[in-house]
Amino acid sequence: MRPRIGIIDYGVGNLRSVQKGLSLKGAQPVITAEEEALRECDAFVLPGVGAFGDAMERLKPLKGLLLDSLDEKPVLGICLGMQLFFDESEEDGLHQGLGVMKGRVIRLPASVKVPQMGWNRVEIKKKSRLMEGIKSGEYFYFVHSYYAVPTEDVTVATTHYGTEIAAVVEKGNAMATQFHPEKSGAPGLRILENFVSMAKKG
């Protein structure tokens, strides 16, 4: 059975490429902002491109559903979607996040070109359901100006761009990548496949 995965449409991000990747890996992805439609889904993807504060404002109507769902459904954050899982962000002032993971989102160091845009190597630090079958040293596609600094043990994989950056985090049913798996070739599609597999299991 193809699991129904809700891609949360809150007005930010390129959702079609995520939809296509999930479809390729056996899911039935649905792009929607309707709470009732999302309740029927087996899992969620929280995508995102843009500013943290604006994204949190747009996400407000679905915040309760999203947080409640984490008790029983896997949720995958991508790029800005990963950053939203954390307590707060310094982007354009201080903004509160979802608070699923402890930590703050800060700007990339001044010593490197911002935004980071391109392929970067990822080092796996610990075992993870999301990264099953992925080897350390694989390259993934990043586009971001800010990054999360976790203050609890949620980091699964890191990358280096001026400093060590959490590239993949996982805490219970909340999991996320700073890179774009849907734009990262075969390794990225393997991550989406792993997520689809989790959605099937519930």
N, C-alpha and C. Protein backbone atom coordinates (compact mmCIF):
# COMPACT_ATOMS: atom_id res chain seq x y z
N MET A 1 0.83 -1.20 0.00
CA MET A 1 0.00 0.00 0.00
C MET A 1 0.87 1.26 0.00
N ARG A 2 0.49 2.23 -0.83
CA ARG A 2 1.27 3.47 -0.90
C ARG A 2 0.85 4.40 0.23
N PRO A 3 1.77 4.71 1.15
CA PRO A 3 1.39 5.59 2.26
C PRO A 3 1.07 7.00 1.77
N ARG A 4 0.11 7.61 2.42
CA ARG A 4 -0.28 8.98 2.08
C ARG A 4 0.58 9.95 2.89
N ILE A 5 1.37 10.75 2.20
CA ILE A 5 2.28 11.69 2.88
C ILE A 5 1.85 13.11 2.55
N GLY A 6 1.52 13.86 3.59
CA GLY A 6 1.10 15.25 3.41
C GLY A 6 2.29 16.19 3.33
N ILE A 7 2.43 16.87 2.21
CA ILE A 7 3.45 17.92 2.07
C ILE A 7 2.77 19.22 2.48
N ILE A 8 3.18 19.77 3.60
CA ILE A 8 2.47 20.91 4.19
C ILE A 8 2.74 22.17 3.35
N ASP A 9 1.68 22.67 2.76
CA ASP A 9 1.77 23.83 1.88
C ASP A 9 1.41 25.09 2.66
N TYR A 10 2.43 25.79 3.16
CA TYR A 10 2.18 27.02 3.91
C TYR A 10 2.82 28.22 3.21
N GLY A 11 2.93 28.08 1.89
CA GLY A 11 3.32 29.23 1.07
C GLY A 11 4.81 29.45 0.91
N VAL A 12 5.63 28.47 1.33
CA VAL A 12 7.08 28.62 1.13
C VAL A 12 7.65 27.34 0.52
N GLY A 13 8.59 27.51 -0.38
CA GLY A 13 9.33 26.35 -0.86
C GLY A 13 8.82 25.77 -2.16
N ASN A 14 9.71 25.04 -2.82
CA ASN A 14 9.37 24.34 -4.05
C ASN A 14 8.86 22.95 -3.66
N LEU A 15 7.55 22.77 -3.73
CA LEU A 15 6.94 21.54 -3.24
C LEU A 15 6.89 20.44 -4.29
N ARG A 16 6.94 20.81 -5.56
CA ARG A 16 6.75 19.83 -6.63
C ARG A 16 7.89 18.81 -6.70
N SER A 17 9.12 19.27 -6.46
CA SER A 17 10.25 18.34 -6.54
C SER A 17 10.21 17.33 -5.39
N VAL A 18 9.73 17.77 -4.21
CA VAL A 18 9.55 16.86 -3.08
C VAL A 18 8.46 15.85 -3.42
N GLN A 19 7.37 16.34 -3.99
CA GLN A 19 6.25 15.48 -4.38
C GLN A 19 6.72 14.40 -5.37
N LYS A 20 7.50 14.82 -6.35
CA LYS A 20 7.98 13.89 -7.37
C LYS A 20 8.88 12.82 -6.76
N GLY A 21 9.80 13.24 -5.86
CA GLY A 21 10.72 12.29 -5.23
C GLY A 21 9.98 11.26 -4.39
N LEU A 22 8.98 11.70 -3.62
CA LEU A 22 8.20 10.79 -2.78
C LEU A 22 7.39 9.82 -3.64
N SER A 23 6.85 10.32 -4.75
CA SER A 23 6.10 9.47 -5.67
C SER A 23 6.98 8.36 -6.24
N LEU A 24 8.19 8.75 -6.63
CA LEU A 24 9.14 7.78 -7.19
C LEU A 24 9.45 6.66 -6.20
N LYS A 25 9.39 6.97 -4.92
CA LYS A 25 9.76 6.00 -3.89
C LYS A 25 8.54 5.32 -3.25
N GLY A 26 7.40 5.40 -3.93
CA GLY A 26 6.28 4.57 -3.52
C GLY A 26 5.25 5.20 -2.62
N ALA A 27 5.30 6.52 -2.47
CA ALA A 27 4.31 7.20 -1.62
C ALA A 27 3.21 7.80 -2.48
N GLN A 28 2.14 8.18 -1.80
CA GLN A 28 1.07 8.95 -2.42
C GLN A 28 1.12 10.34 -1.78
N PRO A 29 1.95 11.24 -2.34
CA PRO A 29 2.11 12.55 -1.71
C PRO A 29 0.96 13.50 -2.04
N VAL A 30 0.55 14.29 -1.05
CA VAL A 30 -0.54 15.24 -1.22
C VAL A 30 -0.05 16.61 -0.74
N ILE A 31 -0.05 17.59 -1.63
CA ILE A 31 0.32 18.96 -1.26
C ILE A 31 -0.94 19.66 -0.79
N THR A 32 -0.97 20.06 0.48
CA THR A 32 -2.20 20.67 1.00
C THR A 32 -1.92 21.51 2.25
N ALA A 33 -2.80 22.48 2.48
CA ALA A 33 -2.78 23.25 3.72
C ALA A 33 -4.05 23.00 4.51
N GLU A 34 -4.88 22.07 4.03
CA GLU A 34 -6.16 21.77 4.68
C GLU A 34 -5.95 20.81 5.85
N GLU A 35 -6.38 21.23 7.03
CA GLU A 35 -6.16 20.43 8.23
C GLU A 35 -6.82 19.05 8.13
N GLU A 36 -8.03 19.00 7.61
CA GLU A 36 -8.73 17.71 7.51
C GLU A 36 -8.00 16.75 6.58
N ALA A 37 -7.50 17.25 5.46
CA ALA A 37 -6.75 16.41 4.52
C ALA A 37 -5.46 15.91 5.16
N LEU A 38 -4.82 16.76 5.94
CA LEU A 38 -3.57 16.36 6.60
C LEU A 38 -3.81 15.31 7.67
N ARG A 39 -4.93 15.39 8.35
CA ARG A 39 -5.24 14.41 9.40
C ARG A 39 -5.32 12.99 8.84
N GLU A 40 -5.66 12.87 7.57
CA GLU A 40 -5.80 11.56 6.94
C GLU A 40 -4.46 10.98 6.47
N CYS A 41 -3.40 11.77 6.59
CA CYS A 41 -2.08 11.33 6.09
C CYS A 41 -1.35 10.46 7.11
N ASP A 42 -0.46 9.61 6.60
CA ASP A 42 0.34 8.70 7.44
C ASP A 42 1.62 9.36 7.94
N ALA A 43 2.03 10.43 7.29
CA ALA A 43 3.27 11.13 7.63
C ALA A 43 3.21 12.51 6.99
N PHE A 44 4.12 13.40 7.43
CA PHE A 44 4.16 14.76 6.89
C PHE A 44 5.57 15.13 6.46
N VAL A 45 5.65 16.01 5.46
CA VAL A 45 6.90 16.68 5.11
C VAL A 45 6.70 18.17 5.35
N LEU A 46 7.63 18.77 6.09
CA LEU A 46 7.63 20.21 6.35
C LEU A 46 8.75 20.82 5.52
N PRO A 47 8.42 21.31 4.32
CA PRO A 47 9.46 21.87 3.46
C PRO A 47 9.71 23.32 3.85
N GLY A 48 10.48 24.04 3.06
CA GLY A 48 10.65 25.45 3.36
C GLY A 48 11.85 26.09 2.71
N VAL A 49 11.59 27.22 2.08
CA VAL A 49 12.64 28.09 1.56
C VAL A 49 12.19 29.50 1.90
N GLY A 50 13.06 30.29 2.50
CA GLY A 50 12.66 31.66 2.84
C GLY A 50 13.05 32.02 4.27
N ALA A 51 12.38 33.02 4.82
CA ALA A 51 12.74 33.55 6.14
C ALA A 51 12.00 32.82 7.25
N PHE A 52 12.70 32.59 8.36
CA PHE A 52 12.19 31.84 9.51
C PHE A 52 10.92 32.46 10.10
N GLY A 53 10.97 33.76 10.41
CA GLY A 53 9.84 34.43 11.05
C GLY A 53 8.57 34.38 10.21
N ASP A 54 8.72 34.64 8.92
CA ASP A 54 7.58 34.61 8.00
C ASP A 54 7.01 33.20 7.92
N ALA A 55 7.89 32.20 7.87
CA ALA A 55 7.44 30.81 7.79
C ALA A 55 6.66 30.41 9.03
N MET A 56 7.13 30.80 10.22
CA MET A 56 6.42 30.47 11.46
C MET A 56 5.04 31.14 11.50
N GLU A 57 4.96 32.35 11.01
CA GLU A 57 3.67 33.06 10.98
C GLU A 57 2.68 32.32 10.07
N ARG A 58 3.16 31.89 8.92
CA ARG A 58 2.29 31.19 7.97
C ARG A 58 1.89 29.81 8.48
N LEU A 59 2.76 29.22 9.28
CA LEU A 59 2.53 27.86 9.77
C LEU A 59 1.58 27.83 10.99
N LYS A 60 1.32 28.99 11.57
CA LYS A 60 0.55 29.09 12.81
C LYS A 60 -0.75 28.26 12.81
N PRO A 61 -1.58 28.32 11.75
CA PRO A 61 -2.84 27.58 11.77
C PRO A 61 -2.66 26.06 11.87
N LEU A 62 -1.50 25.57 11.48
CA LEU A 62 -1.26 24.12 11.46
C LEU A 62 -0.30 23.67 12.57
N LYS A 63 0.15 24.61 13.38
CA LYS A 63 1.15 24.29 14.40
C LYS A 63 0.66 23.20 15.37
N GLY A 64 -0.56 23.35 15.87
CA GLY A 64 -1.10 22.38 16.82
C GLY A 64 -1.18 20.99 16.23
N LEU A 65 -1.69 20.90 15.00
CA LEU A 65 -1.80 19.60 14.31
C LEU A 65 -0.43 18.96 14.15
N LEU A 66 0.53 19.77 13.75
CA LEU A 66 1.89 19.28 13.50
C LEU A 66 2.51 18.73 14.79
N LEU A 67 2.42 19.48 15.86
CA LEU A 67 3.03 19.05 17.12
C LEU A 67 2.32 17.82 17.69
N ASP A 68 1.00 17.78 17.59
CA ASP A 68 0.24 16.63 18.09
C ASP A 68 0.58 15.36 17.30
N SER A 69 0.78 15.53 16.00
CA SER A 69 1.03 14.39 15.12
C SER A 69 2.36 13.70 15.42
N LEU A 70 3.31 14.43 15.99
CA LEU A 70 4.63 13.86 16.26
C LEU A 70 4.58 12.68 17.23
N ASP A 71 3.49 12.54 17.99
CA ASP A 71 3.36 11.41 18.91
C ASP A 71 3.23 10.09 18.16
N GLU A 72 2.69 10.15 16.94
CA GLU A 72 2.41 8.89 16.25
C GLU A 72 2.80 8.84 14.78
N LYS A 73 3.16 9.99 14.19
CA LYS A 73 3.48 10.01 12.76
C LYS A 73 4.86 10.61 12.51
N PRO A 74 5.62 10.02 11.57
CA PRO A 74 6.91 10.63 11.23
C PRO A 74 6.74 11.95 10.48
N VAL A 75 7.57 12.92 10.81
CA VAL A 75 7.55 14.22 10.15
C VAL A 75 8.97 14.55 9.69
N LEU A 76 9.12 14.88 8.40
CA LEU A 76 10.42 15.19 7.82
C LEU A 76 10.50 16.68 7.50
N GLY A 77 11.44 17.37 8.14
CA GLY A 77 11.70 18.77 7.83
C GLY A 77 12.84 18.87 6.81
N ILE A 78 12.69 19.77 5.85
CA ILE A 78 13.71 19.96 4.82
C ILE A 78 14.13 21.42 4.79
N CYS A 79 15.45 21.66 4.91
CA CYS A 79 16.06 22.99 4.83
C CYS A 79 15.47 23.91 5.91
N LEU A 80 14.71 24.94 5.54
CA LEU A 80 14.08 25.80 6.54
C LEU A 80 13.15 24.97 7.43
N GLY A 81 12.55 23.92 6.87
CA GLY A 81 11.70 23.03 7.65
C GLY A 81 12.44 22.40 8.81
N MET A 82 13.72 22.10 8.62
CA MET A 82 14.56 21.58 9.72
C MET A 82 14.74 22.66 10.78
N GLN A 83 15.06 23.88 10.36
CA GLN A 83 15.33 24.96 11.31
C GLN A 83 14.10 25.28 12.16
N LEU A 84 12.91 25.14 11.59
CA LEU A 84 11.67 25.44 12.31
C LEU A 84 11.44 24.50 13.50
N PHE A 85 12.06 23.33 13.49
CA PHE A 85 11.92 22.38 14.60
C PHE A 85 12.56 22.92 15.89
N PHE A 86 13.49 23.88 15.76
CA PHE A 86 14.26 24.33 16.92
C PHE A 86 13.56 25.44 17.70
N ASP A 87 14.12 25.78 18.87
CA ASP A 87 13.51 26.75 19.79
C ASP A 87 13.36 28.13 19.18
N GLU A 88 14.43 28.61 18.53
CA GLU A 88 14.40 30.00 18.06
C GLU A 88 15.43 30.23 16.96
N SER A 89 15.26 31.34 16.26
CA SER A 89 16.18 31.72 15.19
C SER A 89 16.55 33.19 15.31
N GLU A 90 17.79 33.50 14.94
CA GLU A 90 18.28 34.89 14.96
C GLU A 90 18.07 35.59 13.61
N GLU A 91 17.38 34.94 12.68
CA GLU A 91 17.22 35.52 11.35
C GLU A 91 16.27 36.72 11.39
N ASP A 92 16.78 37.90 11.03
CA ASP A 92 15.97 39.14 11.03
C ASP A 92 15.30 39.38 12.39
N GLY A 93 16.08 39.32 13.45
CA GLY A 93 15.54 39.44 14.80
C GLY A 93 15.33 38.06 15.40
N LEU A 94 14.89 38.02 16.64
CA LEU A 94 14.72 36.73 17.32
C LEU A 94 13.28 36.24 17.15
N HIS A 95 13.13 35.01 16.63
CA HIS A 95 11.80 34.44 16.39
C HIS A 95 11.71 33.07 17.04
N GLN A 96 10.55 32.78 17.63
CA GLN A 96 10.32 31.48 18.25
C GLN A 96 9.99 30.43 17.20
N GLY A 97 10.58 29.23 17.37
CA GLY A 97 10.29 28.12 16.48
C GLY A 97 9.29 27.16 17.11
N LEU A 98 9.24 25.94 16.60
CA LEU A 98 8.29 24.94 17.09
C LEU A 98 8.72 24.35 18.43
N GLY A 99 10.01 24.43 18.76
CA GLY A 99 10.49 23.94 20.05
C GLY A 99 10.49 22.43 20.19
N VAL A 100 10.52 21.74 19.07
CA VAL A 100 10.58 20.26 19.11
C VAL A 100 11.97 19.81 19.53
N MET A 101 12.98 20.57 19.12
CA MET A 101 14.37 20.28 19.46
C MET A 101 14.98 21.52 20.11
N LYS A 102 15.85 21.30 21.09
CA LYS A 102 16.48 22.41 21.79
C LYS A 102 17.65 22.94 20.96
N GLY A 103 17.69 24.28 20.82
CA GLY A 103 18.79 24.87 20.08
C GLY A 103 18.35 26.15 19.38
N ARG A 104 19.33 26.83 18.78
CA ARG A 104 19.08 28.11 18.12
C ARG A 104 19.62 28.08 16.69
N VAL A 105 18.94 28.78 15.80
CA VAL A 105 19.36 28.91 14.41
C VAL A 105 20.12 30.22 14.26
N ILE A 106 21.36 30.14 13.74
CA ILE A 106 22.21 31.33 13.61
C ILE A 106 22.76 31.44 12.19
N ARG A 107 23.33 32.60 11.87
CA ARG A 107 23.84 32.85 10.52
C ARG A 107 25.17 32.14 10.30
N LEU A 108 25.39 31.72 9.07
CA LEU A 108 26.68 31.12 8.70
C LEU A 108 27.82 32.10 8.98
N PRO A 109 29.01 31.58 9.24
CA PRO A 109 30.14 32.47 9.57
C PRO A 109 30.47 33.46 8.45
N ALA A 110 30.99 34.62 8.86
CA ALA A 110 31.36 35.67 7.89
C ALA A 110 32.55 35.25 7.02
N SER A 111 33.25 34.20 7.45
CA SER A 111 34.44 33.75 6.72
C SER A 111 34.12 33.00 5.43
N VAL A 112 32.85 32.66 5.21
CA VAL A 112 32.47 31.90 4.01
C VAL A 112 31.43 32.68 3.20
N LYS A 113 31.27 32.28 1.95
CA LYS A 113 30.27 32.91 1.08
C LYS A 113 28.88 32.49 1.56
N VAL A 114 28.00 33.50 1.71
CA VAL A 114 26.63 33.25 2.17
C VAL A 114 25.66 33.75 1.08
N PRO A 115 24.68 32.95 0.68
CA PRO A 115 24.36 31.62 1.21
C PRO A 115 25.31 30.54 0.73
N GLN A 116 25.35 29.44 1.47
CA GLN A 116 25.99 28.24 0.96
C GLN A 116 25.06 27.70 -0.12
N MET A 117 25.61 27.45 -1.29
CA MET A 117 24.80 26.95 -2.38
C MET A 117 25.62 25.95 -3.18
N GLY A 118 25.28 24.67 -3.06
CA GLY A 118 26.02 23.66 -3.82
C GLY A 118 26.15 22.35 -3.06
N TRP A 119 26.99 21.50 -3.59
CA TRP A 119 27.15 20.15 -3.05
C TRP A 119 28.19 20.12 -1.95
N ASN A 120 27.88 19.42 -0.87
CA ASN A 120 28.82 19.30 0.24
C ASN A 120 28.77 17.90 0.83
N ARG A 121 29.93 17.48 1.30
CA ARG A 121 30.07 16.14 1.87
C ARG A 121 29.46 16.08 3.27
N VAL A 122 28.80 14.97 3.57
CA VAL A 122 28.14 14.79 4.86
C VAL A 122 28.78 13.62 5.61
N GLU A 123 29.10 13.83 6.88
CA GLU A 123 29.69 12.78 7.72
C GLU A 123 28.67 12.27 8.72
N ILE A 124 28.46 10.98 8.73
CA ILE A 124 27.47 10.39 9.63
C ILE A 124 28.09 10.19 11.01
N LYS A 125 27.39 10.64 12.04
CA LYS A 125 27.89 10.59 13.42
C LYS A 125 27.26 9.47 14.23
N LYS A 126 26.03 9.10 13.90
CA LYS A 126 25.39 8.00 14.62
C LYS A 126 24.29 7.38 13.77
N LYS A 127 23.89 6.19 14.17
CA LYS A 127 22.89 5.44 13.41
C LYS A 127 21.55 6.18 13.42
N SER A 128 20.86 6.08 12.29
CA SER A 128 19.59 6.79 12.16
C SER A 128 18.70 6.05 11.17
N ARG A 129 17.40 6.04 11.45
CA ARG A 129 16.46 5.42 10.51
C ARG A 129 16.45 6.17 9.18
N LEU A 130 16.56 7.49 9.25
CA LEU A 130 16.48 8.30 8.04
C LEU A 130 17.69 8.08 7.12
N MET A 131 18.86 7.84 7.72
CA MET A 131 20.10 7.73 6.94
C MET A 131 20.52 6.28 6.69
N GLU A 132 19.63 5.35 6.90
CA GLU A 132 19.96 3.94 6.68
C GLU A 132 20.39 3.73 5.22
N GLY A 133 21.52 3.04 5.05
CA GLY A 133 22.02 2.76 3.70
C GLY A 133 22.86 3.87 3.09
N ILE A 134 23.03 4.99 3.82
CA ILE A 134 23.85 6.11 3.35
C ILE A 134 25.23 6.03 4.00
N LYS A 135 26.27 6.17 3.17
CA LYS A 135 27.64 6.11 3.70
C LYS A 135 28.15 7.52 4.02
N SER A 136 29.04 7.59 5.02
CA SER A 136 29.73 8.84 5.30
C SER A 136 30.51 9.27 4.06
N GLY A 137 30.51 10.56 3.78
CA GLY A 137 31.25 11.07 2.64
C GLY A 137 30.39 11.31 1.41
N GLU A 138 29.13 10.90 1.45
CA GLU A 138 28.23 11.18 0.33
C GLU A 138 27.99 12.69 0.24
N TYR A 139 27.73 13.15 -0.99
CA TYR A 139 27.48 14.56 -1.22
C TYR A 139 25.97 14.84 -1.33
N PHE A 140 25.56 15.98 -0.74
CA PHE A 140 24.17 16.41 -0.81
C PHE A 140 24.11 17.89 -1.17
N TYR A 141 22.96 18.32 -1.65
CA TYR A 141 22.82 19.68 -2.17
C TYR A 141 22.24 20.64 -1.12
N PHE A 142 23.01 21.68 -0.79
CA PHE A 142 22.65 22.66 0.24
C PHE A 142 22.34 24.02 -0.39
N VAL A 143 21.34 24.72 0.15
CA VAL A 143 21.10 26.14 -0.16
C VAL A 143 20.58 26.78 1.13
N HIS A 144 21.44 27.52 1.84
CA HIS A 144 21.00 28.14 3.10
C HIS A 144 21.98 29.21 3.56
N SER A 145 21.46 30.14 4.37
CA SER A 145 22.27 31.21 4.95
C SER A 145 22.38 31.06 6.47
N TYR A 146 21.50 30.26 7.06
CA TYR A 146 21.46 30.04 8.51
C TYR A 146 21.56 28.54 8.78
N TYR A 147 21.94 28.19 9.99
CA TYR A 147 22.03 26.78 10.35
C TYR A 147 21.67 26.60 11.83
N ALA A 148 21.22 25.41 12.16
CA ALA A 148 20.80 25.12 13.54
C ALA A 148 21.98 24.66 14.39
N VAL A 149 22.03 25.15 15.62
CA VAL A 149 23.02 24.71 16.59
C VAL A 149 22.26 24.00 17.73
N PRO A 150 22.15 22.66 17.65
CA PRO A 150 21.39 21.94 18.67
C PRO A 150 22.11 21.99 20.02
N THR A 151 21.32 22.04 21.10
CA THR A 151 21.88 21.98 22.45
C THR A 151 21.45 20.70 23.15
N GLU A 152 21.01 19.73 22.37
CA GLU A 152 20.74 18.38 22.87
C GLU A 152 21.22 17.40 21.81
N ASP A 153 21.29 16.13 22.18
CA ASP A 153 21.89 15.12 21.32
C ASP A 153 20.93 14.65 20.24
N VAL A 154 20.78 15.46 19.19
CA VAL A 154 19.88 15.10 18.09
C VAL A 154 20.62 15.00 16.75
N THR A 155 21.89 15.37 16.72
CA THR A 155 22.64 15.43 15.45
C THR A 155 23.03 14.03 14.98
N VAL A 156 22.60 13.70 13.78
CA VAL A 156 22.86 12.40 13.16
C VAL A 156 24.03 12.49 12.20
N ALA A 157 24.14 13.63 11.50
CA ALA A 157 25.20 13.82 10.51
C ALA A 157 25.56 15.30 10.44
N THR A 158 26.81 15.56 10.07
CA THR A 158 27.28 16.94 9.99
C THR A 158 27.91 17.20 8.62
N THR A 159 28.07 18.48 8.32
CA THR A 159 28.86 18.90 7.17
C THR A 159 29.76 20.03 7.66
N HIS A 160 30.71 20.43 6.83
CA HIS A 160 31.60 21.53 7.22
C HIS A 160 31.55 22.63 6.18
N TYR A 161 31.20 23.83 6.65
CA TYR A 161 31.18 25.01 5.78
C TYR A 161 31.51 26.21 6.65
N GLY A 162 32.80 26.45 6.82
CA GLY A 162 33.25 27.51 7.72
C GLY A 162 33.25 27.07 9.17
N THR A 163 32.40 26.15 9.49
CA THR A 163 32.27 25.56 10.83
C THR A 163 31.53 24.23 10.69
N GLU A 164 31.50 23.46 11.74
CA GLU A 164 30.73 22.21 11.68
C GLU A 164 29.24 22.54 11.79
N ILE A 165 28.47 21.94 10.91
CA ILE A 165 27.03 22.23 10.81
C ILE A 165 26.25 20.93 10.93
N ALA A 166 25.17 20.97 11.72
CA ALA A 166 24.27 19.82 11.79
C ALA A 166 23.53 19.70 10.46
N ALA A 167 23.78 18.61 9.75
CA ALA A 167 23.17 18.41 8.43
C ALA A 167 21.93 17.54 8.50
N VAL A 168 21.89 16.64 9.50
CA VAL A 168 20.72 15.78 9.71
C VAL A 168 20.47 15.67 11.20
N VAL A 169 19.22 15.83 11.61
CA VAL A 169 18.85 15.69 13.02
C VAL A 169 17.66 14.72 13.13
N GLU A 170 17.56 14.08 14.28
CA GLU A 170 16.45 13.15 14.49
C GLU A 170 16.13 13.08 15.99
N LYS A 171 14.85 13.21 16.30
CA LYS A 171 14.39 13.10 17.68
C LYS A 171 12.99 12.50 17.66
N GLY A 172 12.88 11.24 18.04
CA GLY A 172 11.60 10.56 17.97
C GLY A 172 11.08 10.54 16.54
N ASN A 173 9.86 11.01 16.34
CA ASN A 173 9.27 11.03 15.00
C ASN A 173 9.64 12.28 14.20
N ALA A 174 10.38 13.20 14.82
CA ALA A 174 10.83 14.41 14.12
C ALA A 174 12.22 14.16 13.55
N MET A 175 12.35 14.33 12.25
CA MET A 175 13.65 14.15 11.60
C MET A 175 13.79 15.19 10.51
N ALA A 176 15.02 15.58 10.20
CA ALA A 176 15.16 16.67 9.26
C ALA A 176 16.55 16.72 8.65
N THR A 177 16.61 17.34 7.46
CA THR A 177 17.88 17.54 6.75
C THR A 177 18.04 19.02 6.43
N GLN A 178 19.25 19.55 6.62
CA GLN A 178 19.52 20.93 6.22
C GLN A 178 19.63 21.02 4.69
N PHE A 179 20.07 19.94 4.07
CA PHE A 179 20.16 19.88 2.60
C PHE A 179 18.81 19.49 1.99
N HIS A 180 18.76 19.51 0.67
CA HIS A 180 17.55 19.13 -0.06
C HIS A 180 17.71 17.71 -0.59
N PRO A 181 17.10 16.71 0.05
CA PRO A 181 17.24 15.34 -0.46
C PRO A 181 16.65 15.18 -1.86
N GLU A 182 15.58 15.93 -2.14
CA GLU A 182 14.91 15.81 -3.44
C GLU A 182 15.75 16.35 -4.59
N LYS A 183 16.84 17.06 -4.26
CA LYS A 183 17.74 17.61 -5.29
C LYS A 183 19.13 16.99 -5.20
N SER A 184 19.25 15.90 -4.44
CA SER A 184 20.58 15.33 -4.14
C SER A 184 20.84 13.97 -4.78
N GLY A 185 20.20 13.70 -5.91
CA GLY A 185 20.49 12.47 -6.64
C GLY A 185 20.11 11.22 -5.88
N ALA A 186 20.84 10.13 -6.17
CA ALA A 186 20.51 8.82 -5.60
C ALA A 186 20.55 8.79 -4.07
N PRO A 187 21.57 9.37 -3.41
CA PRO A 187 21.58 9.34 -1.95
C PRO A 187 20.37 10.06 -1.35
N GLY A 188 19.96 11.17 -1.97
CA GLY A 188 18.80 11.91 -1.49
C GLY A 188 17.52 11.11 -1.65
N LEU A 189 17.41 10.41 -2.78
CA LEU A 189 16.23 9.58 -3.00
C LEU A 189 16.18 8.42 -2.03
N ARG A 190 17.36 7.93 -1.61
CA ARG A 190 17.39 6.86 -0.61
C ARG A 190 16.82 7.38 0.73
N ILE A 191 17.11 8.62 1.07
CA ILE A 191 16.56 9.20 2.29
C ILE A 191 15.04 9.28 2.20
N LEU A 192 14.53 9.72 1.05
CA LEU A 192 13.08 9.78 0.87
C LEU A 192 12.47 8.38 0.92
N GLU A 193 13.18 7.40 0.37
CA GLU A 193 12.72 6.00 0.43
C GLU A 193 12.63 5.52 1.88
N ASN A 194 13.64 5.87 2.68
CA ASN A 194 13.63 5.50 4.10
C ASN A 194 12.44 6.14 4.81
N PHE A 195 12.15 7.39 4.46
CA PHE A 195 11.03 8.08 5.10
C PHE A 195 9.69 7.45 4.69
N VAL A 196 9.57 7.10 3.43
CA VAL A 196 8.35 6.43 2.95
C VAL A 196 8.16 5.11 3.68
N SER A 197 9.25 4.39 3.91
CA SER A 197 9.19 3.13 4.63
C SER A 197 8.68 3.34 6.07
N MET A 198 9.13 4.42 6.71
CA MET A 198 8.65 4.75 8.06
C MET A 198 7.16 5.10 8.05
N ALA A 199 6.74 5.79 6.99
CA ALA A 199 5.33 6.17 6.87
C ALA A 199 4.44 4.92 6.74
N LYS A 200 4.95 3.92 6.05
CA LYS A 200 4.20 2.67 5.90
C LYS A 200 4.01 1.97 7.25
N LYS A 201 5.06 2.02 8.05
CA LYS A 201 5.03 1.34 9.36
C LYS A 201 4.22 2.12 10.39
N GLY A 202 4.18 3.46 10.20
CA GLY A 202 3.45 4.31 11.14
C GLY A 202 4.20 4.55 12.41
